[in-house]
C-alpha cells in the first residue's frame, strides 16, 4: 500500500511538472504573438475608440498593481464594450497589416501547445476571422452602414479577447520576469506617455 501511495504521488508530481513546462512554453508563444502583432493592434485600434479614455483608465497597469488590481482589470476586459465607428479606422491599412501576419497566425494555430489554452486559441481565431472578413472585400471604401457595423462587431470581439489575454500575460511577466514586465510598463498603450527610454 505504501509503495502504491508513493507511486501515485510521484506520478502526480511528474504530471504537474509536465503541465508547468507546457504552460511555460505557451507563455513564450503568447509573448511572441504580442511582440509580432498583438501590441500593435492594442495600440493602433485604441486611438479610434470613442471610449478609449475609459478603457485606458481601467487597463493602465503600474508597478504597484497587485493580484487584486489585475483581477479587477480582467473583469473589466472580459465585459469590455468597445465603442467604435469603422469609418474612423483605416480598414485598408488594417487589412494590409493582418495580411502580412497571416502566415505567422497560421503557424501559431498549428502549435499543439495551444490546446492547453482555449482563451488564447479564441483570440487567434478572432484575429484570423477579422483578417478573412477584410480580405473578402475587394474594396473597403464606400461600404454600407450595415456592413461597417458587422466589421465593428468583429473588431470588438477581437479587442475583447486581446485585452483579456494581454492582462493575463502581463501578470505572468510581473510574477516571473520582472525585466520583461519593466519594458511593458514603459511602453504599453493604455498610459498617457509611452517611452522605452528610462529617465
N, C-alpha and C. Protein backbone atom coordinates (compact mmCIF):
# COMPACT_ATOMS: atom_id res chain seq x y z
N UNK A 1 0.82 -1.21 0.00
CA UNK A 1 0.00 0.00 0.00
C UNK A 1 0.86 1.27 0.00
N UNK A 2 1.95 1.23 0.81
CA UNK A 2 2.85 2.39 0.86
C UNK A 2 3.52 2.62 -0.49
N UNK A 3 3.94 1.52 -1.12
CA UNK A 3 4.58 1.64 -2.43
C UNK A 3 3.62 2.25 -3.45
N UNK A 4 2.38 1.79 -3.43
CA UNK A 4 1.36 2.31 -4.34
C UNK A 4 1.13 3.80 -4.11
N UNK A 5 1.09 4.19 -2.83
CA UNK A 5 0.89 5.60 -2.49
C UNK A 5 2.05 6.46 -2.99
N UNK A 6 3.27 5.97 -2.83
CA UNK A 6 4.46 6.69 -3.31
C UNK A 6 4.42 6.84 -4.83
N UNK A 7 4.03 5.77 -5.53
CA UNK A 7 3.94 5.80 -6.99
C UNK A 7 2.92 6.84 -7.45
N UNK A 8 1.76 6.86 -6.79
CA UNK A 8 0.71 7.83 -7.15
C UNK A 8 1.21 9.26 -6.94
N UNK A 9 1.87 9.51 -5.82
CA UNK A 9 2.39 10.86 -5.52
C UNK A 9 3.43 11.28 -6.56
N UNK A 10 4.32 10.36 -6.90
CA UNK A 10 5.36 10.67 -7.90
C UNK A 10 4.73 10.96 -9.25
N UNK A 11 3.73 10.16 -9.64
CA UNK A 11 3.07 10.39 -10.92
C UNK A 11 2.39 11.76 -10.97
N UNK A 12 1.77 12.15 -9.85
CA UNK A 12 1.12 13.46 -9.80
C UNK A 12 2.14 14.59 -9.90
N UNK A 13 3.26 14.42 -9.21
CA UNK A 13 4.31 15.44 -9.26
C UNK A 13 4.86 15.59 -10.68
N UNK A 14 5.07 14.45 -11.34
CA UNK A 14 5.58 14.49 -12.71
C UNK A 14 4.57 15.12 -13.66
N UNK A 15 3.29 14.79 -13.47
CA UNK A 15 2.24 15.37 -14.31
C UNK A 15 2.15 16.87 -14.11
N UNK A 16 2.28 17.30 -12.84
CA UNK A 16 2.24 18.74 -12.56
C UNK A 16 3.43 19.45 -13.19
N UNK A 17 4.61 18.82 -13.10
CA UNK A 17 5.82 19.41 -13.68
C UNK A 17 5.69 19.52 -15.21
N UNK A 18 5.10 18.48 -15.81
CA UNK A 18 4.90 18.49 -17.26
C UNK A 18 3.92 19.58 -17.67
N UNK A 19 2.84 19.76 -16.88
CA UNK A 19 1.87 20.81 -17.16
C UNK A 19 2.51 22.18 -17.05
N UNK A 20 3.34 22.39 -16.02
CA UNK A 20 4.02 23.68 -15.84
C UNK A 20 4.97 23.96 -17.00
N UNK A 21 5.64 22.92 -17.49
CA UNK A 21 6.55 23.09 -18.63
C UNK A 21 5.78 23.50 -19.87
N UNK A 22 4.58 22.88 -20.08
CA UNK A 22 3.75 23.24 -21.23
C UNK A 22 3.26 24.68 -21.14
N UNK A 23 2.84 25.07 -19.92
CA UNK A 23 2.37 26.45 -19.73
C UNK A 23 3.50 27.45 -19.95
N UNK A 24 4.71 27.07 -19.56
CA UNK A 24 5.87 27.94 -19.78
C UNK A 24 6.11 28.14 -21.27
N UNK A 25 6.02 27.06 -22.04
CA UNK A 25 6.18 27.15 -23.49
C UNK A 25 5.07 27.98 -24.10
N UNK A 26 3.87 27.79 -23.57
CA UNK A 26 2.73 28.54 -24.08
C UNK A 26 2.90 30.03 -23.85
N UNK A 27 3.39 30.40 -22.68
CA UNK A 27 3.62 31.82 -22.40
C UNK A 27 4.66 32.42 -23.32
N UNK A 28 5.60 31.61 -23.77
CA UNK A 28 6.57 32.09 -24.77
C UNK A 28 5.87 32.35 -26.10
N UNK A 29 4.93 31.47 -26.45
CA UNK A 29 4.14 31.65 -27.68
C UNK A 29 3.29 32.91 -27.58
N UNK A 30 2.65 33.12 -26.44
CA UNK A 30 1.83 34.31 -26.22
C UNK A 30 2.69 35.56 -26.33
N UNK A 31 3.87 35.51 -25.74
CA UNK A 31 4.80 36.65 -25.83
C UNK A 31 5.18 36.96 -27.26
N UNK A 32 5.43 35.91 -28.05
CA UNK A 32 5.77 36.12 -29.47
C UNK A 32 4.60 36.75 -30.20
N UNK A 33 3.38 36.33 -29.88
CA UNK A 33 2.19 36.90 -30.51
C UNK A 33 2.10 38.40 -30.24
N UNK A 34 2.27 38.80 -28.99
CA UNK A 34 2.15 40.22 -28.67
C UNK A 34 3.29 41.04 -29.26
N UNK A 35 4.49 40.47 -29.31
CA UNK A 35 5.60 41.19 -29.93
C UNK A 35 5.38 41.37 -31.43
N UNK A 36 4.83 40.35 -32.06
CA UNK A 36 4.68 40.37 -33.52
C UNK A 36 3.49 41.19 -33.98
N UNK A 37 2.35 41.09 -33.30
CA UNK A 37 1.18 41.86 -33.76
C UNK A 37 0.22 42.30 -32.67
N UNK A 38 0.17 41.62 -31.54
CA UNK A 38 -0.80 41.97 -30.50
C UNK A 38 -0.63 43.37 -29.95
N UNK A 39 0.60 43.75 -29.63
CA UNK A 39 0.85 45.10 -29.09
C UNK A 39 0.46 46.18 -30.09
N UNK A 40 0.75 45.93 -31.36
CA UNK A 40 0.39 46.90 -32.39
C UNK A 40 -1.12 47.07 -32.48
N UNK A 41 -1.86 45.96 -32.46
CA UNK A 41 -3.31 46.03 -32.55
C UNK A 41 -3.92 46.74 -31.34
N UNK A 42 -3.40 46.44 -30.15
CA UNK A 42 -3.88 47.11 -28.95
C UNK A 42 -3.73 48.62 -29.07
N UNK A 43 -2.58 49.04 -29.54
CA UNK A 43 -2.28 50.47 -29.61
C UNK A 43 -2.97 51.16 -30.78
N UNK A 44 -2.90 50.57 -31.95
CA UNK A 44 -3.42 51.22 -33.16
C UNK A 44 -4.94 51.36 -33.11
N UNK A 45 -5.63 50.33 -32.66
CA UNK A 45 -7.10 50.39 -32.64
C UNK A 45 -7.62 51.27 -31.50
N UNK A 46 -6.93 51.25 -30.36
CA UNK A 46 -7.40 52.00 -29.20
C UNK A 46 -7.64 53.48 -29.52
N UNK A 47 -6.77 54.08 -30.33
CA UNK A 47 -6.89 55.52 -30.58
C UNK A 47 -8.13 55.87 -31.39
N UNK A 48 -8.82 54.87 -31.97
CA UNK A 48 -10.03 55.12 -32.75
C UNK A 48 -11.31 54.85 -31.96
N UNK A 49 -11.17 54.38 -30.72
CA UNK A 49 -12.35 54.05 -29.93
C UNK A 49 -12.89 55.29 -29.25
N UNK A 50 -14.20 55.46 -29.27
CA UNK A 50 -14.82 56.61 -28.61
C UNK A 50 -14.63 56.57 -27.10
N UNK A 51 -14.55 55.39 -26.52
CA UNK A 51 -14.38 55.26 -25.07
C UNK A 51 -12.96 54.86 -24.69
N UNK A 52 -11.99 55.33 -25.47
CA UNK A 52 -10.59 54.95 -25.22
C UNK A 52 -10.08 55.42 -23.85
N UNK A 53 -10.57 56.57 -23.37
CA UNK A 53 -10.10 57.07 -22.07
C UNK A 53 -10.58 56.16 -20.93
N UNK A 54 -11.80 55.68 -21.03
CA UNK A 54 -12.32 54.76 -20.02
C UNK A 54 -11.55 53.44 -20.04
N UNK A 55 -11.29 52.94 -21.24
CA UNK A 55 -10.53 51.68 -21.37
C UNK A 55 -9.14 51.86 -20.78
N UNK A 56 -8.49 52.95 -21.13
CA UNK A 56 -7.12 53.20 -20.63
C UNK A 56 -7.11 53.33 -19.12
N UNK A 57 -8.13 53.96 -18.56
CA UNK A 57 -8.18 54.15 -17.10
C UNK A 57 -8.22 52.80 -16.38
N UNK A 58 -8.92 51.83 -16.94
CA UNK A 58 -9.05 50.53 -16.29
C UNK A 58 -7.87 49.60 -16.57
N UNK A 59 -7.18 49.82 -17.68
CA UNK A 59 -6.14 48.86 -18.09
C UNK A 59 -4.71 49.41 -18.00
N UNK A 60 -4.56 50.62 -17.49
CA UNK A 60 -3.23 51.22 -17.40
C UNK A 60 -2.49 50.65 -16.19
N UNK A 61 -1.80 49.56 -16.41
CA UNK A 61 -1.08 48.88 -15.33
C UNK A 61 0.07 49.74 -14.81
N UNK A 62 0.39 49.54 -13.55
CA UNK A 62 1.53 50.21 -12.93
C UNK A 62 2.35 49.18 -12.17
N UNK A 63 3.51 49.59 -11.71
CA UNK A 63 4.39 48.69 -10.98
C UNK A 63 3.79 48.26 -9.64
N UNK A 64 2.87 49.06 -9.11
CA UNK A 64 2.30 48.78 -7.79
C UNK A 64 1.07 47.87 -7.86
N UNK A 65 0.67 47.46 -9.06
CA UNK A 65 -0.53 46.62 -9.19
C UNK A 65 -0.35 45.30 -8.44
N UNK A 66 -1.41 44.92 -7.72
CA UNK A 66 -1.44 43.66 -7.00
C UNK A 66 -2.29 42.65 -7.79
N UNK A 67 -2.38 41.44 -7.25
CA UNK A 67 -3.22 40.43 -7.89
C UNK A 67 -4.67 40.90 -7.97
N UNK A 68 -5.11 41.61 -6.94
CA UNK A 68 -6.48 42.13 -6.91
C UNK A 68 -6.71 43.16 -8.01
N UNK A 69 -5.71 44.01 -8.26
CA UNK A 69 -5.81 45.01 -9.33
C UNK A 69 -5.95 44.32 -10.69
N UNK A 70 -5.16 43.28 -10.89
CA UNK A 70 -5.25 42.54 -12.16
C UNK A 70 -6.62 41.87 -12.30
N UNK A 71 -7.15 41.33 -11.19
CA UNK A 71 -8.46 40.69 -11.24
C UNK A 71 -9.55 41.68 -11.63
N UNK A 72 -9.47 42.89 -11.09
CA UNK A 72 -10.44 43.95 -11.44
C UNK A 72 -10.34 44.30 -12.92
N UNK A 73 -9.11 44.43 -13.40
CA UNK A 73 -8.90 44.79 -14.80
C UNK A 73 -9.39 43.69 -15.73
N UNK A 74 -9.13 42.43 -15.36
CA UNK A 74 -9.59 41.30 -16.17
C UNK A 74 -11.11 41.26 -16.21
N UNK A 75 -11.75 41.52 -15.07
CA UNK A 75 -13.22 41.55 -15.03
C UNK A 75 -13.76 42.64 -15.96
N UNK A 76 -13.08 43.79 -15.98
CA UNK A 76 -13.48 44.87 -16.90
C UNK A 76 -13.27 44.44 -18.35
N UNK A 77 -12.11 43.86 -18.64
CA UNK A 77 -11.78 43.46 -20.01
C UNK A 77 -12.70 42.35 -20.52
N UNK A 78 -13.10 41.46 -19.62
CA UNK A 78 -13.98 40.35 -20.02
C UNK A 78 -15.36 40.84 -20.46
N UNK A 79 -15.74 42.04 -20.02
CA UNK A 79 -17.04 42.62 -20.39
C UNK A 79 -16.83 43.96 -21.09
N UNK A 80 -15.75 44.05 -21.81
CA UNK A 80 -15.38 45.29 -22.49
C UNK A 80 -16.43 45.64 -23.56
N UNK A 81 -16.83 46.89 -23.54
CA UNK A 81 -17.78 47.36 -24.55
C UNK A 81 -17.10 48.45 -25.36
N UNK A 82 -16.40 48.02 -26.39
CA UNK A 82 -15.68 48.96 -27.25
C UNK A 82 -16.68 49.76 -28.08
N UNK A 83 -16.52 51.07 -28.06
CA UNK A 83 -17.36 51.94 -28.88
C UNK A 83 -16.53 52.37 -30.09
N UNK A 84 -16.87 51.82 -31.25
CA UNK A 84 -16.05 52.06 -32.44
C UNK A 84 -16.92 52.28 -33.66
N UNK A 85 -16.51 53.24 -34.48
CA UNK A 85 -17.13 53.51 -35.77
C UNK A 85 -16.07 53.20 -36.82
N UNK A 86 -16.32 52.20 -37.66
CA UNK A 86 -15.31 51.77 -38.62
C UNK A 86 -14.95 52.85 -39.64
N UNK A 87 -15.79 53.87 -39.77
CA UNK A 87 -15.44 54.97 -40.68
C UNK A 87 -14.24 55.75 -40.19
N UNK A 88 -13.91 55.60 -38.90
CA UNK A 88 -12.76 56.31 -38.33
C UNK A 88 -11.49 55.46 -38.36
N UNK A 89 -11.60 54.23 -38.84
CA UNK A 89 -10.45 53.32 -38.87
C UNK A 89 -9.94 53.17 -40.30
N UNK A 90 -8.64 53.11 -40.44
CA UNK A 90 -8.04 52.85 -41.74
C UNK A 90 -8.14 51.34 -42.00
N UNK A 91 -9.29 50.93 -42.53
CA UNK A 91 -9.53 49.49 -42.73
C UNK A 91 -8.57 48.89 -43.75
N UNK A 92 -8.21 49.68 -44.76
CA UNK A 92 -7.27 49.17 -45.76
C UNK A 92 -5.90 48.93 -45.13
N UNK A 93 -5.50 49.84 -44.24
CA UNK A 93 -4.21 49.66 -43.54
C UNK A 93 -4.25 48.47 -42.61
N UNK A 94 -5.39 48.28 -41.93
CA UNK A 94 -5.54 47.13 -41.04
C UNK A 94 -5.53 45.83 -41.83
N UNK A 95 -6.19 45.85 -42.98
CA UNK A 95 -6.21 44.67 -43.87
C UNK A 95 -4.79 44.32 -44.32
N UNK A 96 -4.02 45.32 -44.72
CA UNK A 96 -2.65 45.08 -45.18
C UNK A 96 -1.78 44.53 -44.05
N UNK A 97 -1.95 45.09 -42.85
CA UNK A 97 -1.15 44.64 -41.70
C UNK A 97 -1.44 43.17 -41.38
N UNK A 98 -2.73 42.83 -41.31
CA UNK A 98 -3.10 41.44 -40.98
C UNK A 98 -2.67 40.47 -42.08
N UNK A 99 -2.73 40.92 -43.32
CA UNK A 99 -2.28 40.07 -44.43
C UNK A 99 -0.80 39.72 -44.28
N UNK A 100 -0.01 40.70 -43.83
CA UNK A 100 1.43 40.46 -43.61
C UNK A 100 1.67 39.43 -42.51
N UNK A 101 0.75 39.36 -41.55
CA UNK A 101 0.92 38.48 -40.39
C UNK A 101 0.19 37.14 -40.54
N UNK A 102 -0.43 36.92 -41.68
CA UNK A 102 -1.27 35.73 -41.87
C UNK A 102 -0.48 34.43 -41.68
N UNK A 103 0.68 34.34 -42.25
CA UNK A 103 1.48 33.11 -42.13
C UNK A 103 1.89 32.88 -40.68
N UNK A 104 2.22 33.96 -39.98
CA UNK A 104 2.58 33.85 -38.56
C UNK A 104 1.41 33.32 -37.75
N UNK A 105 0.19 33.83 -38.01
CA UNK A 105 -1.00 33.38 -37.30
C UNK A 105 -1.30 31.91 -37.57
N UNK A 106 -1.19 31.50 -38.83
CA UNK A 106 -1.45 30.11 -39.18
C UNK A 106 -0.45 29.17 -38.51
N UNK A 107 0.80 29.61 -38.42
CA UNK A 107 1.82 28.81 -37.75
C UNK A 107 1.48 28.64 -36.27
N UNK A 108 0.98 29.72 -35.66
CA UNK A 108 0.60 29.64 -34.24
C UNK A 108 -0.57 28.68 -34.04
N UNK A 109 -1.52 28.71 -34.95
CA UNK A 109 -2.69 27.83 -34.81
C UNK A 109 -2.31 26.36 -34.95
N UNK A 110 -1.18 26.08 -35.57
CA UNK A 110 -0.71 24.70 -35.72
C UNK A 110 0.04 24.20 -34.49
N UNK A 111 0.28 25.10 -33.53
CA UNK A 111 1.06 24.74 -32.34
C UNK A 111 0.22 23.88 -31.40
N UNK A 112 0.64 22.62 -31.13
CA UNK A 112 -0.16 21.72 -30.28
C UNK A 112 -0.28 22.21 -28.84
N UNK A 113 0.66 23.03 -28.37
CA UNK A 113 0.58 23.54 -27.00
C UNK A 113 -0.63 24.43 -26.79
N UNK A 114 -1.18 24.98 -27.87
CA UNK A 114 -2.34 25.87 -27.75
C UNK A 114 -3.58 25.13 -27.27
N UNK A 115 -3.60 23.82 -27.40
CA UNK A 115 -4.73 23.04 -26.92
C UNK A 115 -4.90 23.18 -25.41
N UNK A 116 -3.83 23.61 -24.74
CA UNK A 116 -3.88 23.79 -23.29
C UNK A 116 -4.48 25.15 -22.91
N UNK A 117 -4.73 26.00 -23.88
CA UNK A 117 -5.14 27.37 -23.58
C UNK A 117 -6.26 27.80 -24.53
N UNK A 118 -7.49 27.49 -24.16
CA UNK A 118 -8.64 27.79 -25.02
C UNK A 118 -8.79 29.28 -25.30
N UNK A 119 -8.54 30.11 -24.27
CA UNK A 119 -8.75 31.55 -24.44
C UNK A 119 -7.82 32.14 -25.47
N UNK A 120 -6.56 31.70 -25.47
CA UNK A 120 -5.62 32.23 -26.45
C UNK A 120 -5.98 31.73 -27.85
N UNK A 121 -6.44 30.49 -27.94
CA UNK A 121 -6.90 29.97 -29.23
C UNK A 121 -8.08 30.79 -29.75
N UNK A 122 -9.00 31.16 -28.85
CA UNK A 122 -10.13 32.00 -29.23
C UNK A 122 -9.65 33.35 -29.77
N UNK A 123 -8.62 33.89 -29.14
CA UNK A 123 -8.05 35.16 -29.61
C UNK A 123 -7.50 35.01 -31.03
N UNK A 124 -6.75 33.94 -31.27
CA UNK A 124 -6.19 33.73 -32.61
C UNK A 124 -7.28 33.58 -33.66
N UNK A 125 -8.36 32.86 -33.29
CA UNK A 125 -9.48 32.71 -34.22
C UNK A 125 -10.15 34.06 -34.49
N UNK A 126 -10.27 34.90 -33.47
CA UNK A 126 -10.89 36.21 -33.64
C UNK A 126 -10.06 37.09 -34.58
N UNK A 127 -8.75 37.05 -34.42
CA UNK A 127 -7.87 37.83 -35.30
C UNK A 127 -7.93 37.28 -36.72
N UNK A 128 -7.88 35.97 -36.85
CA UNK A 128 -7.94 35.32 -38.16
C UNK A 128 -9.25 35.62 -38.87
N UNK A 129 -10.35 35.60 -38.10
CA UNK A 129 -11.65 35.89 -38.71
C UNK A 129 -11.72 37.32 -39.23
N UNK A 130 -11.21 38.27 -38.46
CA UNK A 130 -11.20 39.66 -38.92
C UNK A 130 -10.37 39.79 -40.19
N UNK A 131 -9.24 39.12 -40.23
CA UNK A 131 -8.39 39.11 -41.43
C UNK A 131 -9.17 38.58 -42.64
N UNK A 132 -9.90 37.49 -42.43
CA UNK A 132 -10.66 36.90 -43.54
C UNK A 132 -11.80 37.81 -44.00
N UNK A 133 -12.47 38.47 -43.05
CA UNK A 133 -13.55 39.39 -43.40
C UNK A 133 -13.01 40.55 -44.25
N UNK A 134 -11.91 41.11 -43.83
CA UNK A 134 -11.33 42.24 -44.58
C UNK A 134 -10.82 41.79 -45.94
N UNK A 135 -10.20 40.62 -45.98
CA UNK A 135 -9.65 40.10 -47.24
C UNK A 135 -10.76 39.78 -48.24
N UNK A 136 -11.94 39.40 -47.75
CA UNK A 136 -13.04 39.00 -48.63
C UNK A 136 -13.66 40.18 -49.37
N UNK A 137 -13.37 41.40 -48.95
CA UNK A 137 -13.93 42.58 -49.60
C UNK A 137 -12.92 43.17 -50.57
N UNK A 138 -13.28 43.25 -51.87
CA UNK A 138 -12.34 43.80 -52.86
C UNK A 138 -11.96 45.24 -52.54
N UNK A 139 -12.92 46.00 -51.99
CA UNK A 139 -12.67 47.39 -51.62
C UNK A 139 -13.29 47.66 -50.26
N UNK A 140 -12.62 48.49 -49.47
CA UNK A 140 -13.12 48.81 -48.14
C UNK A 140 -13.62 50.26 -48.07
N UNK A 141 -13.78 50.87 -49.22
CA UNK A 141 -14.33 52.22 -49.27
C UNK A 141 -15.78 52.15 -49.74
N UNK A 142 -16.59 53.05 -49.20
CA UNK A 142 -17.99 53.12 -49.61
C UNK A 142 -18.83 51.94 -49.17
N UNK A 143 -18.43 51.25 -48.09
CA UNK A 143 -19.20 50.10 -47.61
C UNK A 143 -20.51 50.58 -46.96
N UNK A 144 -21.60 49.80 -47.10
CA UNK A 144 -22.87 50.16 -46.46
C UNK A 144 -22.73 50.20 -44.94
N UNK A 145 -23.58 50.99 -44.29
CA UNK A 145 -23.53 51.12 -42.83
C UNK A 145 -23.67 49.76 -42.14
N UNK A 146 -24.55 48.92 -42.67
CA UNK A 146 -24.77 47.60 -42.06
C UNK A 146 -23.50 46.76 -42.10
N UNK A 147 -22.76 46.84 -43.20
CA UNK A 147 -21.52 46.08 -43.33
C UNK A 147 -20.45 46.64 -42.40
N UNK A 148 -20.39 47.97 -42.28
CA UNK A 148 -19.43 48.59 -41.37
C UNK A 148 -19.71 48.19 -39.92
N UNK A 149 -20.97 48.08 -39.57
CA UNK A 149 -21.32 47.66 -38.21
C UNK A 149 -20.94 46.19 -37.98
N UNK A 150 -21.06 45.38 -39.03
CA UNK A 150 -20.62 43.98 -38.92
C UNK A 150 -19.12 43.91 -38.65
N UNK A 151 -18.35 44.70 -39.39
CA UNK A 151 -16.90 44.72 -39.17
C UNK A 151 -16.56 45.27 -37.79
N UNK A 152 -17.34 46.25 -37.33
CA UNK A 152 -17.13 46.80 -35.99
C UNK A 152 -17.33 45.70 -34.94
N UNK A 153 -18.31 44.84 -35.15
CA UNK A 153 -18.54 43.72 -34.24
C UNK A 153 -17.35 42.76 -34.20
N UNK A 154 -16.75 42.51 -35.36
CA UNK A 154 -15.57 41.64 -35.41
C UNK A 154 -14.39 42.28 -34.70
N UNK A 155 -14.25 43.60 -34.84
CA UNK A 155 -13.17 44.32 -34.15
C UNK A 155 -13.38 44.29 -32.64
N UNK A 156 -14.64 44.50 -32.22
CA UNK A 156 -14.95 44.45 -30.78
C UNK A 156 -14.60 43.08 -30.20
N UNK A 157 -15.02 42.03 -30.89
CA UNK A 157 -14.76 40.67 -30.41
C UNK A 157 -13.25 40.44 -30.27
N UNK A 158 -12.52 40.81 -31.30
CA UNK A 158 -11.08 40.60 -31.27
C UNK A 158 -10.42 41.39 -30.14
N UNK A 159 -10.83 42.66 -29.98
CA UNK A 159 -10.19 43.51 -28.97
C UNK A 159 -10.51 43.04 -27.56
N UNK A 160 -11.73 42.52 -27.35
CA UNK A 160 -12.08 41.96 -26.04
C UNK A 160 -11.12 40.83 -25.68
N UNK A 161 -10.94 39.89 -26.62
CA UNK A 161 -10.01 38.78 -26.39
C UNK A 161 -8.58 39.28 -26.19
N UNK A 162 -8.21 40.26 -27.00
CA UNK A 162 -6.86 40.79 -26.98
C UNK A 162 -6.52 41.41 -25.63
N UNK A 163 -7.44 42.24 -25.10
CA UNK A 163 -7.19 42.91 -23.82
C UNK A 163 -7.13 41.91 -22.67
N UNK A 164 -8.03 40.95 -22.65
CA UNK A 164 -8.05 39.94 -21.57
C UNK A 164 -6.77 39.11 -21.58
N UNK A 165 -6.37 38.67 -22.75
CA UNK A 165 -5.18 37.82 -22.85
C UNK A 165 -3.92 38.61 -22.52
N UNK A 166 -3.89 39.88 -22.91
CA UNK A 166 -2.75 40.75 -22.61
C UNK A 166 -2.57 40.90 -21.10
N UNK A 167 -3.66 41.10 -20.39
CA UNK A 167 -3.58 41.24 -18.93
C UNK A 167 -3.05 39.97 -18.27
N UNK A 168 -3.52 38.81 -18.72
CA UNK A 168 -3.02 37.54 -18.18
C UNK A 168 -1.52 37.41 -18.42
N UNK A 169 -1.11 37.77 -19.64
CA UNK A 169 0.30 37.65 -19.99
C UNK A 169 1.16 38.61 -19.16
N UNK A 170 0.69 39.84 -19.00
CA UNK A 170 1.46 40.83 -18.24
C UNK A 170 1.56 40.44 -16.77
N UNK A 171 0.49 39.87 -16.24
CA UNK A 171 0.54 39.42 -14.84
C UNK A 171 1.56 38.29 -14.69
N UNK A 172 1.63 37.42 -15.68
CA UNK A 172 2.64 36.36 -15.67
C UNK A 172 4.04 36.95 -15.69
N UNK A 173 4.26 37.97 -16.52
CA UNK A 173 5.58 38.61 -16.58
C UNK A 173 5.94 39.26 -15.24
N UNK A 174 4.96 39.89 -14.61
CA UNK A 174 5.23 40.56 -13.33
C UNK A 174 5.70 39.57 -12.27
N UNK A 175 5.12 38.38 -12.27
CA UNK A 175 5.48 37.40 -11.24
C UNK A 175 6.75 36.60 -11.58
N UNK A 176 7.04 36.46 -12.88
CA UNK A 176 8.16 35.58 -13.26
C UNK A 176 9.32 36.29 -13.95
N UNK A 177 9.05 37.36 -14.68
CA UNK A 177 10.09 38.00 -15.49
C UNK A 177 10.03 39.52 -15.32
N UNK A 178 10.52 40.03 -14.19
CA UNK A 178 10.42 41.47 -13.92
C UNK A 178 11.11 42.35 -14.97
N UNK A 179 12.15 41.85 -15.63
CA UNK A 179 12.84 42.66 -16.65
C UNK A 179 11.96 42.84 -17.88
N UNK A 180 11.17 41.82 -18.24
CA UNK A 180 10.22 41.95 -19.35
C UNK A 180 9.03 42.81 -18.94
N UNK A 181 8.60 42.65 -17.70
CA UNK A 181 7.50 43.46 -17.18
C UNK A 181 7.88 44.95 -17.17
N UNK A 182 9.13 45.23 -16.87
CA UNK A 182 9.60 46.62 -16.86
C UNK A 182 9.42 47.29 -18.22
N UNK A 183 9.72 46.57 -19.29
CA UNK A 183 9.55 47.13 -20.64
C UNK A 183 8.07 47.36 -20.95
N UNK A 184 7.23 46.41 -20.55
CA UNK A 184 5.79 46.56 -20.76
C UNK A 184 5.28 47.79 -20.04
N UNK A 185 5.74 48.01 -18.80
CA UNK A 185 5.32 49.19 -18.03
C UNK A 185 5.62 50.49 -18.76
N UNK A 186 6.74 50.52 -19.45
CA UNK A 186 7.17 51.76 -20.12
C UNK A 186 6.53 51.96 -21.48
N UNK A 187 6.01 50.90 -22.09
CA UNK A 187 5.60 51.00 -23.49
C UNK A 187 4.14 50.64 -23.76
N UNK A 188 3.40 50.17 -22.76
CA UNK A 188 2.03 49.71 -23.06
C UNK A 188 1.14 50.89 -23.49
N UNK A 189 0.13 50.62 -24.32
CA UNK A 189 -0.65 51.70 -24.96
C UNK A 189 -1.70 52.36 -24.08
N UNK A 190 -1.92 51.87 -22.87
CA UNK A 190 -3.00 52.40 -22.04
C UNK A 190 -2.55 53.53 -21.12
N UNK A 191 -1.32 53.99 -21.28
CA UNK A 191 -0.82 55.10 -20.48
C UNK A 191 -0.71 56.35 -21.35
N UNK A 192 -0.65 57.49 -20.69
CA UNK A 192 -0.66 58.75 -21.43
C UNK A 192 0.64 58.98 -22.21
N UNK A 193 1.76 58.70 -21.57
CA UNK A 193 3.07 58.91 -22.23
C UNK A 193 3.83 57.59 -22.24
N UNK A 194 4.21 57.14 -23.43
CA UNK A 194 4.93 55.88 -23.58
C UNK A 194 6.35 56.16 -24.07
N UNK A 195 7.29 55.48 -23.45
CA UNK A 195 8.67 55.58 -23.93
C UNK A 195 9.49 54.44 -23.33
N UNK A 196 10.23 53.75 -24.16
CA UNK A 196 11.09 52.68 -23.68
C UNK A 196 12.31 53.23 -22.94
N UNK A 197 12.58 54.52 -23.15
CA UNK A 197 13.79 55.15 -22.56
C UNK A 197 13.56 55.39 -21.08
N UNK A 198 14.51 54.95 -20.28
CA UNK A 198 14.45 55.14 -18.82
C UNK A 198 15.08 56.49 -18.48
N UNK A 199 14.31 57.32 -17.78
CA UNK A 199 14.83 58.65 -17.42
C UNK A 199 15.07 58.74 -15.92
